Amino acid sequence: MAKIQLREMAKNQAGVIAAVKVGGELGQRIRDMGLVPGTEISIQGRAPLYDPVALRVMGGTLSLRNNEADFIEVEVNDE
């Protein structure tokens, strides 16, 4: 399994969060949304200019800006 930043994931690609590499208020906000290591996610879509990105997490959909997604490392299959 390869580790990439969430921003680099393609539409409909799935993976498991490996790490959240930011602290402080932003890190806490990301974790409060359920984006913690071990959580399965998939990319639902992107806005026309690729920012923000829509994620499917624990049966819900949420949106992250690319500058927030840069702090999330995801393990994906090498397909």
PDB file of N, CA and C in Angstrom:
ATOM      1  N   MET A   1       0.841  -1.189   0.000  1.00  0.00           N
ATOM      2  CA  MET A   1       0.000   0.000   0.000  1.00  0.00           C
ATOM      3  C   MET A   1       0.881   1.247   0.000  1.00  0.00           C
ATOM      4  N   ALA A   2       0.548   2.176  -0.864  1.00  0.00           N
ATOM      5  CA  ALA A   2       1.288   3.438  -0.954  1.00  0.00           C
ATOM      6  C   ALA A   2       0.647   4.482  -0.051  1.00  0.00           C
ATOM      7  N   LYS A   3       1.465   5.394   0.448  1.00  0.00           N
ATOM      8  CA  LYS A   3       0.961   6.508   1.253  1.00  0.00           C
ATOM      9  C   LYS A   3       1.059   7.780   0.421  1.00  0.00           C
ATOM     10  N   ILE A   4      -0.084   8.471   0.297  1.00  0.00           N
ATOM     11  CA  ILE A   4      -0.130   9.725  -0.444  1.00  0.00           C
ATOM     12  C   ILE A   4      -0.933  10.744   0.359  1.00  0.00           C
ATOM     13  N   GLN A   5      -0.836  12.008  -0.037  1.00  0.00           N
ATOM     14  CA  GLN A   5      -1.656  13.028   0.589  1.00  0.00           C
ATOM     15  C   GLN A   5      -3.074  12.909   0.051  1.00  0.00           C
ATOM     16  N   LEU A   6      -4.023  13.248   0.882  1.00  0.00           N
ATOM     17  CA  LEU A   6      -5.424  13.169   0.486  1.00  0.00           C
ATOM     18  C   LEU A   6      -5.672  14.003  -0.779  1.00  0.00           C
ATOM     19  N   ARG A   7      -5.006  15.132  -0.915  1.00  0.00           N
ATOM     20  CA  ARG A   7      -5.169  15.999  -2.091  1.00  0.00           C
ATOM     21  C   ARG A   7      -4.854  15.247  -3.393  1.00  0.00           C
ATOM     22  N   GLU A   8      -3.964  14.264  -3.360  1.00  0.00           N
ATOM     23  CA  GLU A   8      -3.522  13.549  -4.555  1.00  0.00           C
ATOM     24  C   GLU A   8      -4.451  12.415  -4.978  1.00  0.00           C
ATOM     25  N   MET A   9      -5.444  12.118  -4.165  1.00  0.00           N
ATOM     26  CA  MET A   9      -6.349  11.013  -4.486  1.00  0.00           C
ATOM     27  C   MET A   9      -7.273  11.379  -5.649  1.00  0.00           C
ATOM     28  N   ALA A  10      -7.604  10.385  -6.450  1.00  0.00           N
ATOM     29  CA  ALA A  10      -8.486  10.580  -7.604  1.00  0.00           C
ATOM     30  C   ALA A  10      -9.938  10.341  -7.206  1.00  0.00           C
ATOM     31  N   LYS A  11     -10.842  10.837  -8.026  1.00  0.00           N
ATOM     32  CA  LYS A  11     -12.266  10.626  -7.791  1.00  0.00           C
ATOM     33  C   LYS A  11     -12.563   9.130  -7.746  1.00  0.00           C
ATOM     34  N   ASN A  12     -13.379   8.721  -6.801  1.00  0.00           N
ATOM     35  CA  ASN A  12     -13.787   7.333  -6.548  1.00  0.00           C
ATOM     36  C   ASN A  12     -12.670   6.467  -5.964  1.00  0.00           C
ATOM     37  N   GLN A  13     -11.508   7.034  -5.674  1.00  0.00           N
ATOM     38  CA  GLN A  13     -10.436   6.274  -5.050  1.00  0.00           C
ATOM     39  C   GLN A  13     -10.707   6.184  -3.552  1.00  0.00           C
ATOM     40  N   ALA A  14     -10.396   5.035  -2.962  1.00  0.00           N
ATOM     41  CA  ALA A  14     -10.616   4.816  -1.537  1.00  0.00           C
ATOM     42  C   ALA A  14      -9.301   4.537  -0.842  1.00  0.00           C
ATOM     43  N   GLY A  15      -9.280   4.740   0.452  1.00  0.00           N
ATOM     44  CA  GLY A  15      -8.091   4.472   1.243  1.00  0.00           C
ATOM     45  C   GLY A  15      -8.394   4.556   2.723  1.00  0.00           C
ATOM     46  N   VAL A  16      -7.343   4.408   3.510  1.00  0.00           N
ATOM     47  CA  VAL A  16      -7.451   4.471   4.970  1.00  0.00           C
ATOM     48  C   VAL A  16      -6.507   5.561   5.454  1.00  0.00           C
ATOM     49  N   ILE A  17      -7.008   6.417   6.320  1.00  0.00           N
ATOM     50  CA  ILE A  17      -6.174   7.493   6.840  1.00  0.00           C
ATOM     51  C   ILE A  17      -5.040   6.893   7.652  1.00  0.00           C
ATOM     52  N   ALA A  18      -3.806   7.280   7.309  1.00  0.00           N
ATOM     53  CA  ALA A  18      -2.622   6.789   8.013  1.00  0.00           C
ATOM     54  C   ALA A  18      -2.169   7.779   9.085  1.00  0.00           C
ATOM     55  N   ALA A  19      -2.291   9.087   8.810  1.00  0.00           N
ATOM     56  CA  ALA A  19      -1.835  10.093   9.770  1.00  0.00           C
ATOM     57  C   ALA A  19      -2.467  11.435   9.464  1.00  0.00           C
ATOM     58  N   VAL A  20      -2.633  12.225  10.525  1.00  0.00           N
ATOM     59  CA  VAL A  20      -3.038  13.623  10.412  1.00  0.00           C
ATOM     60  C   VAL A  20      -1.850  14.412  10.925  1.00  0.00           C
ATOM     61  N   LYS A  21      -1.170  15.105  10.026  1.00  0.00           N
ATOM     62  CA  LYS A  21       0.112  15.721  10.350  1.00  0.00           C
ATOM     63  C   LYS A  21       0.002  17.221  10.605  1.00  0.00           C
ATOM     64  N   VAL A  22      -0.901  17.593  11.492  1.00  0.00           N
ATOM     65  CA  VAL A  22      -1.047  18.991  11.906  1.00  0.00           C
ATOM     66  C   VAL A  22      -1.603  18.994  13.328  1.00  0.00           C
ATOM     67  N   GLY A  23      -1.173  19.964  14.094  1.00  0.00           N
ATOM     68  CA  GLY A  23      -1.665  20.102  15.463  1.00  0.00           C
ATOM     69  C   GLY A  23      -2.527  21.349  15.578  1.00  0.00           C
ATOM     70  N   GLY A  24      -2.681  21.816  16.782  1.00  0.00           N
ATOM     71  CA  GLY A  24      -3.417  23.046  17.036  1.00  0.00           C
ATOM     72  C   GLY A  24      -4.893  22.931  16.702  1.00  0.00           C
ATOM     73  N   GLU A  25      -5.501  24.089  16.463  1.00  0.00           N
ATOM     74  CA  GLU A  25      -6.937  24.136  16.197  1.00  0.00           C
ATOM     75  C   GLU A  25      -7.321  23.413  14.911  1.00  0.00           C
ATOM     76  N   LEU A  26      -6.505  23.561  13.865  1.00  0.00           N
ATOM     77  CA  LEU A  26      -6.812  22.894  12.601  1.00  0.00           C
ATOM     78  C   LEU A  26      -6.767  21.380  12.770  1.00  0.00           C
ATOM     79  N   GLY A  27      -5.745  20.874  13.431  1.00  0.00           N
ATOM     80  CA  GLY A  27      -5.642  19.437  13.668  1.00  0.00           C
ATOM     81  C   GLY A  27      -6.815  18.917  14.485  1.00  0.00           C
ATOM     82  N   GLN A  28      -7.219  19.676  15.480  1.00  0.00           N
ATOM     83  CA  GLN A  28      -8.358  19.269  16.308  1.00  0.00           C
ATOM     84  C   GLN A  28      -9.643  19.271  15.497  1.00  0.00           C
ATOM     85  N   ARG A  29      -9.815  20.277  14.650  1.00  0.00           N
ATOM     86  CA  ARG A  29     -11.024  20.363  13.822  1.00  0.00           C
ATOM     87  C   ARG A  29     -11.095  19.194  12.847  1.00  0.00           C
ATOM     88  N   ILE A  30      -9.965  18.848  12.239  1.00  0.00           N
ATOM     89  CA  ILE A  30      -9.921  17.702  11.319  1.00  0.00           C
ATOM     90  C   ILE A  30     -10.282  16.421  12.059  1.00  0.00           C
ATOM     91  N   ARG A  31      -9.724  16.232  13.231  1.00  0.00           N
ATOM     92  CA  ARG A  31     -10.015  15.024  14.021  1.00  0.00           C
ATOM     93  C   ARG A  31     -11.472  14.999  14.486  1.00  0.00           C
ATOM     94  N   ASP A  32     -12.018  16.162  14.835  1.00  0.00           N
ATOM     95  CA  ASP A  32     -13.418  16.238  15.265  1.00  0.00           C
ATOM     96  C   ASP A  32     -14.390  15.842  14.153  1.00  0.00           C
ATOM     97  N   MET A  33     -13.978  16.006  12.898  1.00  0.00           N
ATOM     98  CA  MET A  33     -14.812  15.610  11.756  1.00  0.00           C
ATOM     99  C   MET A  33     -14.764  14.098  11.531  1.00  0.00           C
ATOM    100  N   GLY A  34     -13.976  13.377  12.318  1.00  0.00           N
ATOM    101  CA  GLY A  34     -13.877  11.930  12.170  1.00  0.00           C
ATOM    102  C   GLY A  34     -12.713  11.485  11.316  1.00  0.00           C
ATOM    103  N   LEU A  35     -11.869  12.422  10.914  1.00  0.00           N
ATOM    104  CA  LEU A  35     -10.717  12.082  10.077  1.00  0.00           C
ATOM    105  C   LEU A  35      -9.529  11.747  10.968  1.00  0.00           C
ATOM    106  N   VAL A  36      -9.533  10.518  11.470  1.00  0.00           N
ATOM    107  CA  VAL A  36      -8.487  10.035  12.368  1.00  0.00           C
ATOM    108  C   VAL A  36      -7.845   8.792  11.755  1.00  0.00           C
ATOM    109  N   PRO A  37      -6.602   8.493  12.131  1.00  0.00           N
ATOM    110  CA  PRO A  37      -5.953   7.293  11.588  1.00  0.00           C
ATOM    111  C   PRO A  37      -6.820   6.043  11.756  1.00  0.00           C
ATOM    112  N   GLY A  38      -6.870   5.239  10.689  1.00  0.00           N
ATOM    113  CA  GLY A  38      -7.662   4.012  10.686  1.00  0.00           C
ATOM    114  C   GLY A  38      -9.032   4.171  10.058  1.00  0.00           C
ATOM    115  N   THR A  39      -9.443   5.396   9.757  1.00  0.00           N
ATOM    116  CA  THR A  39     -10.756   5.656   9.176  1.00  0.00           C
ATOM    117  C   THR A  39     -10.721   5.464   7.660  1.00  0.00           C
ATOM    118  N   GLU A  40     -11.696   4.717   7.135  1.00  0.00           N
ATOM    119  CA  GLU A  40     -11.801   4.511   5.691  1.00  0.00           C
ATOM    120  C   GLU A  40     -12.485   5.716   5.065  1.00  0.00           C
ATOM    121  N   ILE A  41     -11.935   6.183   3.936  1.00  0.00           N
ATOM    122  CA  ILE A  41     -12.507   7.311   3.215  1.00  0.00           C
ATOM    123  C   ILE A  41     -12.512   7.006   1.726  1.00  0.00           C
ATOM    124  N   SER A  42     -13.336   7.733   0.987  1.00  0.00           N
ATOM    125  CA  SER A  42     -13.298   7.678  -0.475  1.00  0.00           C
ATOM    126  C   SER A  42     -13.586   9.077  -1.001  1.00  0.00           C
ATOM    127  N   ILE A  43     -13.067   9.365  -2.174  1.00  0.00           N
ATOM    128  CA  ILE A  43     -13.249  10.666  -2.803  1.00  0.00           C
ATOM    129  C   ILE A  43     -14.536  10.621  -3.618  1.00  0.00           C
ATOM    130  N   GLN A  44     -15.482  11.489  -3.299  1.00  0.00           N
ATOM    131  CA  GLN A  44     -16.758  11.545  -4.011  1.00  0.00           C
ATOM    132  C   GLN A  44     -16.675  12.444  -5.228  1.00  0.00           C
ATOM    133  N   GLY A  45     -15.931  13.515  -5.125  1.00  0.00           N
ATOM    134  CA  GLY A  45     -15.831  14.433  -6.247  1.00  0.00           C
ATOM    135  C   GLY A  45     -15.023  15.659  -5.877  1.00  0.00           C
ATOM    136  N   ARG A  46     -14.828  16.517  -6.864  1.00  0.00           N
ATOM    137  CA  ARG A  46     -14.075  17.759  -6.670  1.00  0.00           C
ATOM    138  C   ARG A  46     -14.815  18.891  -7.364  1.00  0.00           C
ATOM    139  N   ALA A  47     -14.621  20.083  -6.869  1.00  0.00           N
ATOM    140  CA  ALA A  47     -15.182  21.268  -7.498  1.00  0.00           C
ATOM    141  C   ALA A  47     -14.479  21.490  -8.845  1.00  0.00           C
ATOM    142  N   PRO A  48     -15.035  22.318  -9.708  1.00  0.00           N
ATOM    143  CA  PRO A  48     -14.433  22.525 -11.031  1.00  0.00           C
ATOM    144  C   PRO A  48     -12.960  22.926 -11.008  1.00  0.00           C
ATOM    145  N   LEU A  49     -12.521  23.682 -10.032  1.00  0.00           N
ATOM    146  CA  LEU A  49     -11.114  24.067  -9.937  1.00  0.00           C
ATOM    147  C   LEU A  49     -10.355  23.176  -8.945  1.00  0.00           C
ATOM    148  N   TYR A  50     -10.906  22.003  -8.650  1.00  0.00           N
ATOM    149  CA  TYR A  50     -10.312  20.968  -7.786  1.00  0.00           C
ATOM    150  C   TYR A  50     -10.211  21.362  -6.313  1.00  0.00           C
ATOM    151  N   ASP A  51     -10.895  22.412  -5.920  1.00  0.00           N
ATOM    152  CA  ASP A  51     -10.889  22.819  -4.510  1.00  0.00           C
ATOM    153  C   ASP A  51     -12.258  23.385  -4.190  1.00  0.00           C
ATOM    154  N   PRO A  52     -13.019  22.802  -3.279  1.00  0.00           N
ATOM    155  CA  PRO A  52     -12.654  21.747  -2.331  1.00  0.00           C
ATOM    156  C   PRO A  52     -12.882  20.339  -2.889  1.00  0.00           C
ATOM    157  N   VAL A  53     -12.596  19.373  -2.020  1.00  0.00           N
ATOM    158  CA  VAL A  53     -12.783  17.968  -2.347  1.00  0.00           C
ATOM    159  C   VAL A  53     -13.886  17.416  -1.435  1.00  0.00           C
ATOM    160  N   ALA A  54     -14.772  16.591  -2.001  1.00  0.00           N
ATOM    161  CA  ALA A  54     -15.853  15.962  -1.236  1.00  0.00           C
ATOM    162  C   ALA A  54     -15.441  14.541  -0.877  1.00  0.00           C
ATOM    163  N   LEU A  55     -15.538  14.220   0.411  1.00  0.00           N
ATOM    164  CA  LEU A  55     -15.145  12.905   0.922  1.00  0.00           C
ATOM    165  C   LEU A  55     -16.346  12.147   1.451  1.00  0.00           C
ATOM    166  N   ARG A  56     -16.288  10.847   1.343  1.00  0.00           N
ATOM    167  CA  ARG A  56     -17.277   9.972   1.978  1.00  0.00           C
ATOM    168  C   ARG A  56     -16.587   9.375   3.195  1.00  0.00           C
ATOM    169  N   VAL A  57     -17.135   9.653   4.383  1.00  0.00           N
ATOM    170  CA  VAL A  57     -16.540   9.199   5.648  1.00  0.00           C
ATOM    171  C   VAL A  57     -17.643   8.696   6.560  1.00  0.00           C
ATOM    172  N   MET A  58     -17.530   7.487   7.032  1.00  0.00           N
ATOM    173  CA  MET A  58     -18.470   6.901   7.993  1.00  0.00           C
ATOM    174  C   MET A  58     -19.931   7.125   7.605  1.00  0.00           C
ATOM    175  N   GLY A  59     -20.254   6.930   6.329  1.00  0.00           N
ATOM    176  CA  GLY A  59     -21.630   7.041   5.874  1.00  0.00           C
ATOM    177  C   GLY A  59     -22.095   8.456   5.595  1.00  0.00           C
ATOM    178  N   GLY A  60     -21.240   9.433   5.792  1.00  0.00           N
ATOM    179  CA  GLY A  60     -21.598  10.827   5.523  1.00  0.00           C
ATOM    180  C   GLY A  60     -20.655  11.439   4.511  1.00  0.00           C
ATOM    181  N   THR A  61     -21.006  12.618   4.052  1.00  0.00           N
ATOM    182  CA  THR A  61     -20.168  13.337   3.104  1.00  0.00           C
ATOM    183  C   THR A  61     -19.707  14.634   3.739  1.00  0.00           C
ATOM    184  N   LEU A  62     -18.433  14.951   3.567  1.00  0.00           N
ATOM    185  CA  LEU A  62     -17.925  16.226   4.040  1.00  0.00           C
ATOM    186  C   LEU A  62     -16.980  16.805   3.018  1.00  0.00           C
ATOM    187  N   SER A  63     -16.709  18.081   3.163  1.00  0.00           N
ATOM    188  CA  SER A  63     -15.893  18.794   2.197  1.00  0.00           C
ATOM    189  C   SER A  63     -14.674  19.379   2.897  1.00  0.00           C
ATOM    190  N   LEU A  64     -13.518  19.264   2.250  1.00  0.00           N
ATOM    191  CA  LEU A  64     -12.272  19.828   2.770  1.00  0.00           C
ATOM    192  C   LEU A  64     -11.608  20.664   1.694  1.00  0.00           C
ATOM    193  N   ARG A  65     -10.987  21.734   2.099  1.00  0.00           N
ATOM    194  CA  ARG A  65     -10.161  22.505   1.174  1.00  0.00           C
ATOM    195  C   ARG A  65      -8.847  21.772   0.984  1.00  0.00           C
ATOM    196  N   ASN A  66      -8.199  22.011  -0.140  1.00  0.00           N
ATOM    197  CA  ASN A  66      -6.927  21.340  -0.416  1.00  0.00           C
ATOM    198  C   ASN A  66      -5.861  21.686   0.620  1.00  0.00           C
ATOM    199  N   ASN A  67      -5.854  22.919   1.139  1.00  0.00           N
ATOM    200  CA  ASN A  67      -4.840  23.260   2.137  1.00  0.00           C
ATOM    201  C   ASN A  67      -5.058  22.493   3.434  1.00  0.00           C
ATOM    202  N   GLU A  68      -6.265  22.020   3.701  1.00  0.00           N
ATOM    203  CA  GLU A  68      -6.532  21.154   4.854  1.00  0.00           C
ATOM    204  C   GLU A  68      -6.193  19.704   4.505  1.00  0.00           C
ATOM    205  N   ALA A  69      -6.515  19.287   3.285  1.00  0.00           N
ATOM    206  CA  ALA A  69      -6.260  17.916   2.847  1.00  0.00           C
ATOM    207  C   ALA A  69      -4.768  17.609   2.770  1.00  0.00           C
ATOM    208  N   ASP A  70      -3.938  18.639   2.614  1.00  0.00           N
ATOM    209  CA  ASP A  70      -2.490  18.434   2.549  1.00  0.00           C
ATOM    210  C   ASP A  70      -1.910  17.825   3.823  1.00  0.00           C
ATOM    211  N   PHE A  71      -2.589  17.986   4.935  1.00  0.00           N
ATOM    212  CA  PHE A  71      -2.088  17.479   6.217  1.00  0.00           C
ATOM    213  C   PHE A  71      -2.515  16.039   6.499  1.00  0.00           C
ATOM    214  N   ILE A  72      -3.301  15.443   5.599  1.00  0.00           N
ATOM    215  CA  ILE A  72      -3.828  14.092   5.834  1.00  0.00           C
ATOM    216  C   ILE A  72      -3.133  13.115   4.904  1.00  0.00           C
ATOM    217  N   GLU A  73      -2.489  12.111   5.500  1.00  0.00           N
ATOM    218  CA  GLU A  73      -1.801  11.071   4.733  1.00  0.00           C
ATOM    219  C   GLU A  73      -2.697   9.836   4.683  1.00  0.00           C
ATOM    220  N   VAL A  74      -2.851   9.266   3.480  1.00  0.00           N
ATOM    221  CA  VAL A  74      -3.769   8.156   3.261  1.00  0.00           C
ATOM    222  C   VAL A  74      -3.028   6.984   2.641  1.00  0.00           C
ATOM    223  N   GLU A  75      -3.345   5.775   3.104  1.00  0.00           N
ATOM    224  CA  GLU A  75      -2.809   4.559   2.499  1.00  0.00           C
ATOM    225  C   GLU A  75      -3.798   4.091   1.439  1.00  0.00           C
ATOM    226  N   VAL A  76      -3.301   3.934   0.209  1.00  0.00           N
ATOM    227  CA  VAL A  76      -4.148   3.470  -0.907  1.00  0.00           C
ATOM    228  C   VAL A  76      -3.500   2.243  -1.540  1.00  0.00           C
ATOM    229  N   ASN A  77      -4.316   1.444  -2.227  1.00  0.00           N
ATOM    230  CA  ASN A  77      -3.803   0.282  -2.933  1.00  0.00           C
ATOM    231  C   ASN A  77      -2.985   0.719  -4.135  1.00  0.00           C
ATOM    232  N   ASP A  78      -1.943  -0.018  -4.464  1.00  0.00           N
ATOM    233  CA  ASP A  78      -1.080   0.272  -5.614  1.00  0.00           C
ATOM    234  C   ASP A  78      -1.660  -0.333  -6.882  1.00  0.00           C
ATOM    235  N   GLU A  79      -2.807   0.113  -7.302  1.00  0.00           N
ATOM    236  CA  GLU A  79      -3.433  -0.470  -8.485  1.00  0.00           C
ATOM    237  C   GLU A  79      -3.181   0.344  -9.711  1.00  0.00           C
TER     238      GLU A  79
END
